[in-house]
C-alpha atoms as a PDB file:
ATOM      1  CA  MET A   1      33.398  69.917 -52.307  1.00  0.00           C
ATOM      2  CA  ILE A   2      33.627  69.464 -48.519  1.00  0.00           C
ATOM      3  CA  SER A   3      31.756  71.842 -46.238  1.00  0.00           C
ATOM      4  CA  ASP A   4      31.717  70.406 -42.720  1.00  0.00           C
ATOM      5  CA  LEU A   5      32.670  67.716 -40.281  1.00  0.00           C
ATOM      6  CA  ASP A   6      29.294  66.000 -40.125  1.00  0.00           C
ATOM      7  CA  ARG A   7      30.035  63.224 -37.631  1.00  0.00           C
ATOM      8  CA  ILE A   8      32.560  61.085 -35.865  1.00  0.00           C
ATOM      9  CA  VAL A   9      32.441  57.308 -36.241  1.00  0.00           C
ATOM     10  CA  MET A  10      33.605  54.964 -33.501  1.00  0.00           C
ATOM     11  CA  ALA A  11      34.239  51.234 -33.755  1.00  0.00           C
ATOM     12  CA  VAL A  12      33.066  49.671 -30.495  1.00  0.00           C
ATOM     13  CA  PRO A  13      32.456  46.202 -29.038  1.00  0.00           C
ATOM     14  CA  ASN A  14      29.269  47.296 -27.241  1.00  0.00           C
ATOM     15  CA  ALA A  15      27.311  50.172 -28.809  1.00  0.00           C
ATOM     16  CA  ALA A  16      24.662  50.284 -26.069  1.00  0.00           C
ATOM     17  CA  GLU A  17      27.251  50.925 -23.350  1.00  0.00           C
ATOM     18  CA  VAL A  18      29.097  53.595 -25.355  1.00  0.00           C
ATOM     19  CA  ALA A  19      25.799  55.291 -26.263  1.00  0.00           C
ATOM     20  CA  ARG A  20      24.920  55.415 -22.570  1.00  0.00           C
ATOM     21  CA  ARG A  21      28.182  57.194 -21.813  1.00  0.00           C
ATOM     22  CA  TRP A  22      27.719  59.834 -24.539  1.00  0.00           C
ATOM     23  CA  SER A  23      24.168  60.468 -23.338  1.00  0.00           C
ATOM     24  CA  ALA A  24      25.200  60.770 -19.694  1.00  0.00           C
ATOM     25  CA  ALA A  25      28.196  63.004 -20.378  1.00  0.00           C
ATOM     26  CA  LEU A  26      26.875  65.285 -23.110  1.00  0.00           C
ATOM     27  CA  GLY A  27      23.159  64.697 -23.587  1.00  0.00           C
ATOM     28  CA  ALA A  28      23.463  62.757 -26.859  1.00  0.00           C
ATOM     29  CA  VAL A  29      20.098  61.450 -28.080  1.00  0.00           C
ATOM     30  CA  PRO A  30      19.605  58.067 -29.836  1.00  0.00           C
ATOM     31  CA  HIS A  31      18.469  58.620 -33.407  1.00  0.00           C
ATOM     32  CA  ARG A  32      18.434  55.359 -35.381  1.00  0.00           C
ATOM     33  CA  THR A  33      20.052  51.966 -35.815  1.00  0.00           C
ATOM     34  CA  LEU A  34      20.631  50.215 -39.113  1.00  0.00           C
ATOM     35  CA  PRO A  35      22.695  47.373 -40.544  1.00  0.00           C
ATOM     36  CA  LEU A  36      25.810  48.183 -42.539  1.00  0.00           C
ATOM     37  CA  PRO A  37      26.615  44.802 -44.101  1.00  0.00           C
ATOM     38  CA  GLU A  38      29.172  46.442 -46.379  1.00  0.00           C
ATOM     39  CA  LEU A  39      31.291  47.032 -43.263  1.00  0.00           C
ATOM     40  CA  GLY A  40      30.186  43.947 -41.366  1.00  0.00           C
ATOM     41  CA  ALA A  41      28.632  46.150 -38.712  1.00  0.00           C
ATOM     42  CA  ARG A  42      25.482  47.536 -37.157  1.00  0.00           C
ATOM     43  CA  SER A  43      25.297  51.306 -36.864  1.00  0.00           C
ATOM     44  CA  THR A  44      23.847  53.214 -33.909  1.00  0.00           C
ATOM     45  CA  GLU A  45      23.500  56.939 -34.541  1.00  0.00           C
ATOM     46  CA  LEU A  46      23.313  59.503 -31.755  1.00  0.00           C
ATOM     47  CA  ARG A  47      22.320  63.109 -32.366  1.00  0.00           C
ATOM     48  CA  LEU A  48      24.587  65.573 -30.595  1.00  0.00           C
ATOM     49  CA  GLY A  49      24.488  69.285 -31.303  1.00  0.00           C
ATOM     50  CA  ARG A  50      24.012  69.664 -35.057  1.00  0.00           C
ATOM     51  CA  SER A  51      26.238  66.644 -35.587  1.00  0.00           C
ATOM     52  CA  VAL A  52      26.131  62.861 -35.287  1.00  0.00           C
ATOM     53  CA  VAL A  53      28.081  60.375 -33.202  1.00  0.00           C
ATOM     54  CA  GLU A  54      27.945  57.030 -35.001  1.00  0.00           C
ATOM     55  CA  LEU A  55      28.807  53.791 -33.216  1.00  0.00           C
ATOM     56  CA  LEU A  56      29.701  50.757 -35.331  1.00  0.00           C
ATOM     57  CA  GLU A  57      29.453  47.411 -33.573  1.00  0.00           C
ATOM     58  CA  PRO A  58      30.769  44.311 -35.381  1.00  0.00           C
ATOM     59  CA  ASP A  59      28.075  42.166 -36.980  1.00  0.00           C
ATOM     60  CA  GLY A  60      30.124  39.530 -38.743  1.00  0.00           C
ATOM     61  CA  GLY A  61      33.542  39.785 -40.323  1.00  0.00           C
ATOM     62  CA  GLY A  62      34.896  42.939 -41.940  1.00  0.00           C
ATOM     63  CA  PRO A  63      36.881  46.109 -41.243  1.00  0.00           C
ATOM     64  CA  VAL A  64      34.943  47.033 -38.096  1.00  0.00           C
ATOM     65  CA  ALA A  65      35.480  43.633 -36.489  1.00  0.00           C
ATOM     66  CA  GLU A  66      39.160  43.791 -37.429  1.00  0.00           C
ATOM     67  CA  ALA A  67      39.491  47.279 -35.970  1.00  0.00           C
ATOM     68  CA  VAL A  68      37.809  46.360 -32.682  1.00  0.00           C
ATOM     69  CA  ALA A  69      39.914  43.206 -32.374  1.00  0.00           C
ATOM     70  CA  ALA A  70      43.072  45.260 -32.889  1.00  0.00           C
ATOM     71  CA  ARG A  71      42.335  48.304 -30.737  1.00  0.00           C
ATOM     72  CA  GLY A  72      39.084  47.879 -28.823  1.00  0.00           C
ATOM     73  CA  ALA A  73      36.764  50.907 -28.860  1.00  0.00           C
ATOM     74  CA  HIS A  74      38.277  53.865 -30.716  1.00  0.00           C
ATOM     75  CA  LEU A  75      37.730  56.662 -33.229  1.00  0.00           C
ATOM     76  CA  PHE A  76      37.330  54.724 -36.484  1.00  0.00           C
ATOM     77  CA  ALA A  77      36.484  57.356 -39.114  1.00  0.00           C
ATOM     78  CA  ALA A  78      35.937  61.066 -39.633  1.00  0.00           C
ATOM     79  CA  GLY A  79      32.562  61.805 -41.208  1.00  0.00           C
ATOM     80  CA  LEU A  80      32.600  64.699 -43.663  1.00  0.00           C
ATOM     81  CA  ALA A  81      29.732  66.498 -45.412  1.00  0.00           C
ATOM     82  CA  SER A  82      29.629  67.518 -49.065  1.00  0.00           C
ATOM     83  CA  PRO A  83      27.180  70.042 -50.574  1.00  0.00           C
ATOM     84  CA  ASP A  84      27.455  68.134 -53.881  1.00  0.00           C
ATOM     85  CA  LEU A  85      28.049  64.455 -53.225  1.00  0.00           C
ATOM     86  CA  PRO A  86      27.585  63.338 -56.875  1.00  0.00           C
ATOM     87  CA  ALA A  87      30.254  65.822 -57.983  1.00  0.00           C
ATOM     88  CA  LEU A  88      32.614  64.537 -55.317  1.00  0.00           C
ATOM     89  CA  ALA A  89      31.942  60.947 -56.389  1.00  0.00           C
ATOM     90  CA  SER A  90      32.785  61.932 -59.969  1.00  0.00           C
ATOM     91  CA  ARG A  91      35.990  63.597 -58.822  1.00  0.00           C
ATOM     92  CA  LEU A  92      37.049  60.489 -56.940  1.00  0.00           C
ATOM     93  CA  LYS A  93      36.211  58.258 -59.883  1.00  0.00           C
ATOM     94  CA  GLY A  94      38.276  60.512 -62.134  1.00  0.00           C
ATOM     95  CA  ARG A  95      41.225  59.910 -59.838  1.00  0.00           C
ATOM     96  CA  GLY A  96      40.731  56.153 -60.104  1.00  0.00           C
ATOM     97  CA  LEU A  97      39.139  55.803 -56.655  1.00  0.00           C
ATOM     98  CA  GLU A  98      36.065  53.638 -56.077  1.00  0.00           C
ATOM     99  CA  PRO A  99      34.776  54.306 -52.540  1.00  0.00           C
ATOM    100  CA  LEU A 100      32.612  51.783 -50.760  1.00  0.00           C
ATOM    101  CA  ALA A 101      28.956  52.886 -50.835  1.00  0.00           C
ATOM    102  CA  ALA A 102      26.958  52.305 -47.640  1.00  0.00           C
ATOM    103  CA  ASP A 103      23.979  54.188 -46.181  1.00  0.00           C
ATOM    104  CA  GLY A 104      24.143  56.725 -48.998  1.00  0.00           C
ATOM    105  CA  ARG A 105      27.685  57.690 -48.036  1.00  0.00           C
ATOM    106  CA  LEU A 106      31.108  57.211 -49.587  1.00  0.00           C
ATOM    107  CA  TRP A 107      33.596  55.336 -47.426  1.00  0.00           C
ATOM    108  CA  LEU A 108      37.315  55.647 -48.116  1.00  0.00           C
ATOM    109  CA  ASP A 109      39.871  53.549 -46.258  1.00  0.00           C
ATOM    110  CA  PRO A 110      43.554  54.383 -45.673  1.00  0.00           C
ATOM    111  CA  ALA A 111      44.772  52.331 -48.630  1.00  0.00           C
ATOM    112  CA  MET A 112      42.355  54.033 -51.012  1.00  0.00           C
ATOM    113  CA  LEU A 113      43.131  57.506 -49.679  1.00  0.00           C
ATOM    114  CA  GLY A 114      46.854  56.894 -49.656  1.00  0.00           C
ATOM    115  CA  ILE A 115      46.925  58.334 -46.121  1.00  0.00           C
ATOM    116  CA  PRO A 116      47.956  55.910 -43.362  1.00  0.00           C
ATOM    117  CA  GLY A 117      45.527  55.802 -40.436  1.00  0.00           C
ATOM    118  CA  LEU A 118      42.756  57.844 -42.064  1.00  0.00           C
ATOM    119  CA  ARG A 119      39.321  56.486 -42.820  1.00  0.00           C
ATOM    120  CA  LEU A 120      36.543  58.783 -44.076  1.00  0.00           C
ATOM    121  CA  SER A 121      32.794  58.653 -44.421  1.00  0.00           C
ATOM    122  CA  VAL A 122      31.437  61.375 -46.732  1.00  0.00           C
ATOM    123  CA  GLY A 123      27.714  62.100 -46.995  1.00  0.00           C
ATOM    124  CA  ALA A 124      25.436  64.842 -48.218  1.00  0.00           C
ATOM    125  CA  ALA A 125      25.317  68.013 -46.127  1.00  0.00           C
ATOM    126  CA  ILE A 126      22.290  67.980 -43.794  1.00  0.00           C
ATOM    127  CA  LEU A 127      20.934  70.830 -41.668  1.00  0.00           C
ATOM    128  CA  ARG A 128      19.887  69.590 -38.206  1.00  0.00           C
ATOM    129  CA  GLU A 129      18.394  71.199 -35.130  1.00  0.00           C
ATOM    130  CA  PRO A 130      20.881  71.074 -32.221  1.00  0.00           C
ATOM    131  CA  VAL A 131      20.324  68.683 -29.325  1.00  0.00           C
ATOM    132  CA  GLY A 132      22.316  67.976 -26.173  1.00  0.00           C
ATOM    133  CA  ASP A 133      25.137  70.006 -24.678  1.00  0.00           C
ATOM    134  CA  ILE A 134      27.346  70.829 -27.663  1.00  0.00           C
ATOM    135  CA  ASP A 135      26.733  73.082 -30.644  1.00  0.00           C
ATOM    136  CA  TYR A 136      28.549  71.069 -33.318  1.00  0.00           C
ATOM    137  CA  LEU A 137      31.638  69.005 -34.032  1.00  0.00           C
ATOM    138  CA  TYR A 138      34.295  70.900 -35.968  1.00  0.00           C
ATOM    139  CA  GLU A 139      37.509  68.874 -35.871  1.00  0.00           C
ATOM    140  CA  ALA A 140      38.903  65.356 -36.027  1.00  0.00           C
ATOM    141  CA  THR A 141      42.624  64.841 -35.431  1.00  0.00           C
ATOM    142  CA  LEU A 142      44.872  62.537 -37.443  1.00  0.00           C
ATOM    143  CA  LEU A 143      48.290  61.703 -36.054  1.00  0.00           C
ATOM    144  CA  ALA A 144      50.673  61.216 -38.966  1.00  0.00           C
ATOM    145  CA  ALA A 145      54.360  60.388 -39.193  1.00  0.00           C
ATOM    146  CA  ASP A 146      54.593  62.851 -42.115  1.00  0.00           C
ATOM    147  CA  HIS A 147      51.960  65.547 -41.644  1.00  0.00           C
ATOM    148  CA  ALA A 148      53.034  67.493 -44.747  1.00  0.00           C
ATOM    149  CA  ALA A 149      52.624  64.502 -47.068  1.00  0.00           C
ATOM    150  CA  ALA A 150      49.298  63.523 -45.481  1.00  0.00           C
ATOM    151  CA  THR A 151      48.012  67.102 -45.790  1.00  0.00           C
ATOM    152  CA  ASP A 152      48.977  67.354 -49.451  1.00  0.00           C
ATOM    153  CA  ARG A 153      47.319  64.043 -50.267  1.00  0.00           C
ATOM    154  CA  PHE A 154      44.154  64.914 -48.302  1.00  0.00           C
ATOM    155  CA  ALA A 155      43.801  68.210 -50.167  1.00  0.00           C
ATOM    156  CA  ALA A 156      44.441  66.601 -53.547  1.00  0.00           C
ATOM    157  CA  VAL A 157      41.911  63.796 -53.109  1.00  0.00           C
ATOM    158  CA  LEU A 158      39.097  66.021 -51.841  1.00  0.00           C
ATOM    159  CA  GLY A 159      39.833  69.184 -53.815  1.00  0.00           C
ATOM    160  CA  LEU A 160      40.612  71.390 -50.812  1.00  0.00           C
ATOM    161  CA  ASP A 161      42.280  74.805 -51.065  1.00  0.00           C
ATOM    162  CA  HIS A 162      45.668  75.081 -49.333  1.00  0.00           C
ATOM    163  CA  ASP A 163      45.110  78.836 -49.018  1.00  0.00           C
ATOM    164  CA  HIS A 164      42.537  78.128 -46.298  1.00  0.00           C
ATOM    165  CA  PHE A 165      44.895  75.961 -44.264  1.00  0.00           C
ATOM    166  CA  VAL A 166      46.584  77.083 -41.050  1.00  0.00           C
ATOM    167  CA  ALA A 167      49.929  75.852 -39.719  1.00  0.00           C
ATOM    168  CA  ILE A 168      49.744  74.791 -36.080  1.00  0.00           C
ATOM    169  CA  ALA A 169      52.247  73.739 -33.419  1.00  0.00           C
ATOM    170  CA  SER A 170      52.252  73.245 -29.662  1.00  0.00           C
ATOM    171  CA  GLU A 171      55.246  72.827 -27.386  1.00  0.00           C
ATOM    172  CA  LYS A 172      52.936  72.069 -24.455  1.00  0.00           C
ATOM    173  CA  TYR A 173      51.146  69.159 -26.124  1.00  0.00           C
ATOM    174  CA  GLY A 174      54.036  68.271 -28.415  1.00  0.00           C
ATOM    175  CA  TYR A 175      52.999  68.415 -32.062  1.00  0.00           C
ATOM    176  CA  GLU A 176      53.239  70.301 -35.344  1.00  0.00           C
ATOM    177  CA  GLY A 177      51.070  70.172 -38.442  1.00  0.00           C
ATOM    178  CA  THR A 178      48.141  71.736 -40.281  1.00  0.00           C
ATOM    179  CA  LEU A 179      44.487  72.631 -39.806  1.00  0.00           C
ATOM    180  CA  THR A 180      42.893  71.850 -43.170  1.00  0.00           C
ATOM    181  CA  LEU A 181      39.984  74.298 -42.945  1.00  0.00           C
ATOM    182  CA  PHE A 182      37.401  73.321 -45.525  1.00  0.00           C
ATOM    183  CA  ARG A 183      36.208  76.930 -45.870  1.00  0.00           C
ATOM    184  CA  PRO A 184      37.837  80.130 -44.612  1.00  0.00           C
ATOM    185  CA  ASP A 185      34.767  81.227 -42.648  1.00  0.00           C
ATOM    186  CA  ARG A 186      34.201  77.935 -40.797  1.00  0.00           C
ATOM    187  CA  LEU A 187      36.152  76.019 -38.187  1.00  0.00           C
ATOM    188  CA  ALA A 188      35.379  72.648 -39.814  1.00  0.00           C
ATOM    189  CA  ARG A 189      38.581  70.783 -40.640  1.00  0.00           C
ATOM    190  CA  LEU A 190      40.776  67.757 -40.246  1.00  0.00           C
ATOM    191  CA  GLU A 191      43.763  68.467 -38.023  1.00  0.00           C
ATOM    192  CA  ILE A 192      46.783  66.587 -39.377  1.00  0.00           C
ATOM    193  CA  ILE A 193      49.699  66.635 -36.955  1.00  0.00           C
ATOM    194  CA  THR A 194      52.942  64.867 -36.132  1.00  0.00           C
ATOM    195  CA  PRO A 195      53.742  64.295 -32.427  1.00  0.00           C
ATOM    196  CA  THR A 196      57.074  65.815 -31.409  1.00  0.00           C
ATOM    197  CA  ARG A 197      57.323  64.798 -27.741  1.00  0.00           C
ATOM    198  CA  ALA A 198      57.560  61.131 -26.842  1.00  0.00           C
ATOM    199  CA  ASP A 199      56.820  61.932 -23.180  1.00  0.00           C
ATOM    200  CA  ALA A 200      53.494  63.707 -23.901  1.00  0.00           C
ATOM    201  CA  THR A 201      50.116  61.948 -23.943  1.00  0.00           C
ATOM    202  CA  MET A 202      49.839  62.301 -27.704  1.00  0.00           C
ATOM    203  CA  GLY A 203      53.365  61.001 -28.214  1.00  0.00           C
ATOM    204  CA  ARG A 204      52.684  57.931 -26.104  1.00  0.00           C
ATOM    205  CA  PHE A 205      49.487  57.259 -28.056  1.00  0.00           C
ATOM    206  CA  PHE A 206      51.363  57.587 -31.343  1.00  0.00           C
ATOM    207  CA  ALA A 207      54.117  55.241 -30.195  1.00  0.00           C
ATOM    208  CA  LYS A 208      51.440  52.633 -29.501  1.00  0.00           C
ATOM    209  CA  THR A 209      49.183  53.032 -32.560  1.00  0.00           C
ATOM    210  CA  GLY A 210      51.229  54.693 -35.277  1.00  0.00           C
ATOM    211  CA  ASP A 211      49.309  56.809 -37.798  1.00  0.00           C
ATOM    212  CA  ALA A 212      45.719  56.919 -36.542  1.00  0.00           C
ATOM    213  CA  LEU A 213      42.750  59.111 -35.738  1.00  0.00           C
ATOM    214  CA  TYR A 214      43.264  60.429 -32.226  1.00  0.00           C
ATOM    215  CA  MET A 215      40.429  62.670 -31.008  1.00  0.00           C
ATOM    216  CA  ALA A 216      37.780  65.205 -32.008  1.00  0.00           C
ATOM    217  CA  PHE A 217      36.758  68.743 -30.985  1.00  0.00           C
ATOM    218  CA  ALA A 218      33.377  70.440 -30.605  1.00  0.00           C
ATOM    219  CA  GLU A 219      32.023  73.845 -29.582  1.00  0.00           C
ATOM    220  CA  SER A 220      29.858  74.261 -26.510  1.00  0.00           C
ATOM    221  CA  ASP A 221      28.720  77.125 -24.305  1.00  0.00           C
ATOM    222  CA  ARG A 222      28.114  74.726 -21.374  1.00  0.00           C
ATOM    223  CA  LEU A 223      31.666  73.780 -20.428  1.00  0.00           C
ATOM    224  CA  ALA A 224      31.343  74.503 -16.712  1.00  0.00           C
ATOM    225  CA  ALA A 225      28.104  72.522 -16.407  1.00  0.00           C
ATOM    226  CA  ILE A 226      29.555  69.595 -18.346  1.00  0.00           C
ATOM    227  CA  GLY A 227      32.663  69.561 -16.168  1.00  0.00           C
ATOM    228  CA  THR A 228      30.586  69.618 -12.995  1.00  0.00           C
ATOM    229  CA  ARG A 229      28.381  66.781 -14.220  1.00  0.00           C
ATOM    230  CA  LEU A 230      31.381  64.628 -15.103  1.00  0.00           C
ATOM    231  CA  THR A 231      33.012  65.261 -11.725  1.00  0.00           C
ATOM    232  CA  GLN A 232      29.827  64.349  -9.868  1.00  0.00           C
ATOM    233  CA  ALA A 233      29.631  61.121 -11.868  1.00  0.00           C
ATOM    234  CA  GLY A 234      33.229  60.242 -11.001  1.00  0.00           C
ATOM    235  CA  GLU A 235      34.425  60.827 -14.590  1.00  0.00           C
ATOM    236  CA  ARG A 236      37.574  62.696 -15.656  1.00  0.00           C
ATOM    237  CA  SER A 237      37.805  65.950 -17.541  1.00  0.00           C
ATOM    238  CA  THR A 238      40.497  68.612 -17.757  1.00  0.00           C
ATOM    239  CA  PRO A 239      39.587  72.321 -18.125  1.00  0.00           C
ATOM    240  CA  THR A 240      41.907  75.041 -19.388  1.00  0.00           C
ATOM    241  CA  ALA A 241      42.009  78.404 -17.655  1.00  0.00           C
ATOM    242  CA  PRO A 242      40.318  81.376 -19.321  1.00  0.00           C
ATOM    243  CA  ALA A 243      42.509  83.548 -21.525  1.00  0.00           C
ATOM    244  CA  ASN A 244      42.011  87.270 -20.820  1.00  0.00           C
ATOM    245  CA  ARG A 245      38.681  86.561 -19.134  1.00  0.00           C
ATOM    246  CA  LEU A 246      37.450  86.388 -15.573  1.00  0.00           C
ATOM    247  CA  PRO A 247      37.627  82.833 -14.142  1.00  0.00           C
ATOM    248  CA  ALA A 248      33.969  83.151 -13.138  1.00  0.00           C
ATOM    249  CA  LYS A 249      33.074  83.063 -16.820  1.00  0.00           C
ATOM    250  CA  GLY A 250      34.208  79.440 -16.976  1.00  0.00           C
ATOM    251  CA  PRO A 251      36.974  77.612 -18.865  1.00  0.00           C
ATOM    252  CA  ASP A 252      37.920  78.244 -22.471  1.00  0.00           C
ATOM    253  CA  SER A 253      38.140  74.526 -23.181  1.00  0.00           C
ATOM    254  CA  LEU A 254      37.526  71.162 -21.582  1.00  0.00           C
ATOM    255  CA  PHE A 255      38.997  67.769 -22.435  1.00  0.00           C
ATOM    256  CA  VAL A 256      36.702  64.796 -21.801  1.00  0.00           C
ATOM    257  CA  HIS A 257      38.857  61.719 -21.263  1.00  0.00           C
ATOM    258  CA  PRO A 258      38.363  58.494 -23.267  1.00  0.00           C
ATOM    259  CA  PRO A 259      36.837  56.329 -20.481  1.00  0.00           C
ATOM    260  CA  SER A 260      33.997  58.841 -20.076  1.00  0.00           C
ATOM    261  CA  LEU A 261      33.015  58.432 -23.742  1.00  0.00           C
ATOM    262  CA  GLY A 262      33.688  54.755 -24.206  1.00  0.00           C
ATOM    263  CA  GLY A 263      37.044  54.948 -25.943  1.00  0.00           C
ATOM    264  CA  MET A 264      37.978  58.351 -27.408  1.00  0.00           C
ATOM    265  CA  MET A 265      39.066  61.798 -26.283  1.00  0.00           C
ATOM    266  CA  LEU A 266      36.817  64.773 -27.031  1.00  0.00           C
ATOM    267  CA  GLY A 267      37.903  68.369 -26.661  1.00  0.00           C
ATOM    268  CA  LEU A 268      35.320  71.098 -26.138  1.00  0.00           C
ATOM    269  CA  SER A 269      35.956  74.803 -26.706  1.00  0.00           C
ATOM    270  CA  ARG A 270      33.667  77.693 -25.897  1.00  0.00           C
ATOM    271  CA  PRO A 271      32.017  79.352 -28.935  1.00  0.00           C
ATOM    272  CA  SER A 272      34.518  81.103 -31.235  1.00  0.00           C
ATOM    273  CA  MET A 273      37.511  80.323 -28.987  1.00  0.00           C
ATOM    274  CA  ALA A 274      39.082  77.949 -31.535  1.00  0.00           C
ATOM    275  CA  TRP A 275      39.656  80.872 -33.902  1.00  0.00           C
ATOM    276  CA  SER A 276      42.456  81.960 -31.548  1.00  0.00           C
ATOM    277  CA  TRP A 277      44.600  79.101 -32.923  1.00  0.00           C
ATOM    278  CA  SER A 278      42.878  78.807 -36.325  1.00  0.00           C
ATOM    279  CA  GLY A 279      44.218  81.836 -38.140  1.00  0.00           C
ATOM    280  CA  ALA A 280      41.634  84.461 -37.144  1.00  0.00           C
ATOM    281  CA  PRO A 281      41.998  85.480 -33.464  1.00  0.00           C
ATOM    282  CA  GLU A 282      40.006  88.633 -34.159  1.00  0.00           C
ATOM    283  CA  ARG A 283      36.900  86.425 -34.426  1.00  0.00           C
ATOM    284  CA  VAL A 284      37.111  85.296 -30.804  1.00  0.00           C
ATOM    285  CA  LEU A 285      34.256  86.697 -28.740  1.00  0.00           C
ATOM    286  CA  GLY A 286      34.190  87.485 -25.032  1.00  0.00           C
ATOM    287  CA  ILE A 287      37.800  88.564 -24.502  1.00  0.00           C
ATOM    288  CA  ASP A 288      38.042  91.240 -21.793  1.00  0.00           C
END
């Protein structure tokens, strides 16, 4: 019932400033603005790749205003796509869940999901022409005190198949958990992980926020150009060295730091590279 990660949703105090940063860093293009009174917010949508970056600015009281007051600008929700939204709505209703309806999407908060820190927006699957410097978003990351329990609940609520999931762990970054691939032939997923190193960046974030959405990942074949642009603008990004490739071919991934995007971390990986840690390394292209 879920096919893709359609968008990421940020809660921000100033949408115009954050939109400017996404446009400058990655070529995001303003698409539309609309009121979302159900959330006490005004939405600004940016097209980026085949995906959407949605910025929610408080417009009265409600969950967005509360979130901004608590944490400032941050990743507020993961936006999923369903090829059959009415069927998903029926499934949720059958489980006793009544999502908030806004802008033709279903919004589920942490209390409704039974997953601390996770908020979802689920809309109909839409095919878009790519714009800007990424291809598409494929991952949002949830930091969870109990990744196994959060993964089980996420799969149960949305009808996902555990057989498609991939266990993941990193000593370098300090975490363990699961990639909940929505389909076996696509990278789209929610990464649900528990930090294991208090001295790592992720561990420090978790100590401050508790269970919360942390970052997102996208594919792009323009990593070197993006990194150069950010450096020239005085912004921070961190590349990773190529694996089994000539350095001249550029990095395998690039992390764009939160200040450059107005409040959240975004990882970028070159096309197909994420399969190397997603259960199908044979799908990675360009290995020498």
